[in-house]
Amino acid sequence: MKYACALSALLCGLFVACSEEKSEPLPDLPPVEIPATVFGYYSGRLPCDDCKLLKVDMDLFEDGKVLAVRTKVLDSVSVDTLHGTFVYADSIAKISFSDNEAHWVFKRDKVGNLAFMKAGDVYRDADGLKAVMVRFYKKINK
């Protein structure tokens, strides 16, 4: 019985000692700096009228060139590599591909992502969600 009381007293003492630990406030983190340029790697889904899914991985290069890998899911999956050019002004990126198969327009948001535009406005699906190409600041090597 003495041991049980001593053990209980010891555990209570440890519990009280641990609960009185004072935590330091977290340090202020530096603000995240969003690059002013549009050049970089983007990935996302775009609307598709004739397919189940249209996924795009896209590089915008400083020389105005575009390299996009388009994955289109129908009953089967097809992957195409598209080459083209882009112009960027007033937060709008206009992309044209050399085969004239696709022309895309995006609006850059405040965090650097590109929102797909259709008929002059940012596209929203039936649920009101935007089709956004997310910018990755460090490209992941596969």
Protein backbone atom coordinates (compact mmCIF):
# COMPACT_ATOMS: atom_id res chain seq x y z
CA MET A 1 0.00 0.00 0.00
CA LYS A 2 2.90 2.32 0.79
CA TYR A 3 4.29 1.71 -2.67
CA ALA A 4 0.98 2.49 -4.37
CA CYS A 5 0.67 5.77 -2.46
CA ALA A 6 4.30 6.68 -3.21
CA LEU A 7 3.88 5.83 -6.89
CA SER A 8 0.65 7.86 -7.06
CA ALA A 9 2.35 10.84 -5.42
CA LEU A 10 5.31 10.57 -7.82
CA LEU A 11 3.06 10.43 -10.91
CA CYS A 12 0.99 13.39 -9.68
CA GLY A 13 4.19 15.35 -9.10
CA LEU A 14 5.39 14.58 -12.65
CA PHE A 15 2.02 15.53 -14.09
CA VAL A 16 1.99 18.88 -12.27
CA ALA A 17 5.60 19.60 -13.23
CA CYS A 18 4.93 18.86 -16.90
CA SER A 19 1.73 20.90 -17.01
CA GLU A 20 3.52 23.99 -15.72
CA GLU A 21 5.91 24.07 -18.69
CA LYS A 22 5.81 27.52 -20.20
CA SER A 23 5.74 27.55 -23.95
CA GLU A 24 7.57 30.22 -25.86
CA PRO A 25 5.52 32.15 -28.41
CA LEU A 26 6.18 31.08 -31.98
CA PRO A 27 8.53 33.35 -33.91
CA ASP A 28 7.08 35.53 -36.65
CA LEU A 29 7.55 33.97 -40.04
CA PRO A 30 8.78 36.09 -42.91
CA PRO A 31 6.09 36.85 -45.50
CA VAL A 32 6.00 34.63 -48.55
CA GLU A 33 7.29 36.49 -51.57
CA ILE A 34 5.28 35.85 -54.74
CA PRO A 35 7.44 36.34 -57.85
CA ALA A 36 6.18 39.11 -60.11
CA THR A 37 6.90 37.10 -63.24
CA VAL A 38 4.58 34.54 -64.79
CA PHE A 39 7.39 32.22 -65.93
CA GLY A 40 7.34 28.80 -64.33
CA TYR A 41 5.70 25.40 -64.03
CA TYR A 42 1.92 24.99 -63.69
CA SER A 43 -0.36 22.00 -63.32
CA GLY A 44 -4.12 21.60 -63.20
CA ARG A 45 -7.36 20.55 -64.86
CA LEU A 46 -9.11 22.42 -67.63
CA PRO A 47 -12.74 22.15 -68.76
CA CYS A 48 -13.40 19.65 -71.54
CA ASP A 49 -16.67 19.28 -73.45
CA ASP A 50 -15.76 16.07 -75.28
CA CYS A 51 -13.82 14.18 -72.58
CA LYS A 52 -14.05 13.03 -68.97
CA LEU A 53 -10.88 14.78 -67.81
CA LEU A 54 -8.30 17.18 -69.26
CA LYS A 55 -5.15 17.47 -67.14
CA VAL A 56 -2.38 19.84 -68.18
CA ASP A 57 1.22 20.26 -67.00
CA MET A 58 2.68 23.41 -68.49
CA ASP A 59 5.98 25.29 -68.52
CA LEU A 60 6.04 28.99 -69.43
CA PHE A 61 9.59 29.98 -70.38
CA GLU A 62 11.22 33.41 -70.24
CA ASP A 63 11.65 33.47 -74.04
CA GLY A 64 7.85 33.39 -74.49
CA LYS A 65 7.65 29.69 -75.35
CA VAL A 66 5.24 27.15 -73.86
CA LEU A 67 5.62 23.42 -73.40
CA ALA A 68 2.44 21.68 -72.29
CA VAL A 69 1.73 18.01 -71.66
CA ARG A 70 -1.97 17.40 -72.08
CA THR A 71 -3.56 14.22 -70.72
CA LYS A 72 -7.04 13.62 -72.09
CA VAL A 73 -9.27 10.89 -70.65
CA LEU A 74 -12.04 9.51 -72.86
CA ASP A 75 -12.69 5.77 -72.94
CA SER A 76 -8.90 5.57 -73.13
CA VAL A 77 -6.10 7.95 -72.14
CA SER A 78 -4.13 10.01 -74.66
CA VAL A 79 -1.10 12.13 -73.84
CA ASP A 80 0.03 14.92 -76.18
CA THR A 81 2.95 17.30 -75.99
CA LEU A 82 2.08 20.78 -77.25
CA HIS A 83 4.56 23.51 -78.20
CA GLY A 84 3.61 27.14 -78.54
CA THR A 85 4.08 30.72 -77.45
CA PHE A 86 2.48 33.06 -74.96
CA VAL A 87 2.13 36.75 -74.29
CA TYR A 88 1.51 38.20 -70.85
CA ALA A 89 0.12 41.67 -70.08
CA ASP A 90 -2.17 43.13 -67.40
CA SER A 91 -2.39 39.81 -65.51
CA ILE A 92 -3.61 37.98 -68.64
CA ALA A 93 -1.62 35.16 -70.27
CA LYS A 94 -2.66 34.27 -73.83
CA ILE A 95 -1.30 30.94 -75.05
CA SER A 96 -1.28 29.77 -78.67
CA PHE A 97 -0.01 26.40 -79.79
CA SER A 98 1.87 25.93 -83.04
CA ASP A 99 -0.59 23.35 -84.38
CA ASN A 100 -3.46 25.86 -83.86
CA GLU A 101 -5.30 23.08 -82.05
CA ALA A 102 -5.79 25.06 -78.86
CA HIS A 103 -5.75 28.65 -77.65
CA TRP A 104 -5.97 29.23 -73.93
CA VAL A 105 -6.37 32.44 -71.95
CA PHE A 106 -5.63 32.68 -68.23
CA LYS A 107 -5.87 35.36 -65.59
CA ARG A 108 -3.14 35.42 -62.96
CA ASP A 109 -4.44 35.61 -59.39
CA LYS A 110 -2.80 37.26 -56.38
CA VAL A 111 -0.90 34.10 -55.37
CA GLY A 112 0.53 33.43 -58.83
CA ASN A 113 -1.86 30.73 -60.09
CA LEU A 114 -3.54 30.94 -63.49
CA ALA A 115 -7.36 30.83 -63.71
CA PHE A 116 -8.76 29.65 -67.05
CA MET A 117 -10.83 32.23 -68.93
CA LYS A 118 -13.67 31.63 -71.37
CA ALA A 119 -15.53 34.36 -73.27
CA GLY A 120 -13.61 37.09 -71.44
CA ASP A 121 -14.42 35.96 -67.89
CA VAL A 122 -12.85 33.54 -65.45
CA TYR A 123 -14.46 30.16 -66.14
CA ARG A 124 -16.57 28.54 -63.41
CA ASP A 125 -18.06 25.07 -63.63
CA ALA A 126 -21.62 24.09 -62.64
CA ASP A 127 -20.57 24.07 -58.96
CA GLY A 128 -19.05 27.56 -59.24
CA LEU A 129 -15.45 26.34 -59.04
CA LYS A 130 -12.66 27.87 -61.12
CA ALA A 131 -10.40 25.85 -63.40
CA VAL A 132 -7.02 26.81 -61.94
CA MET A 133 -3.50 25.96 -63.04
CA VAL A 134 -1.50 25.87 -59.80
CA ARG A 135 2.00 27.32 -59.94
CA PHE A 136 4.78 25.21 -58.48
CA TYR A 137 7.80 27.25 -57.51
CA LYS A 138 10.05 24.21 -57.52
CA LYS A 139 9.40 21.70 -60.27
CA ILE A 140 9.26 18.13 -59.03
CA ASN A 141 11.47 15.80 -61.05
CA LYS A 142 9.72 12.55 -61.83
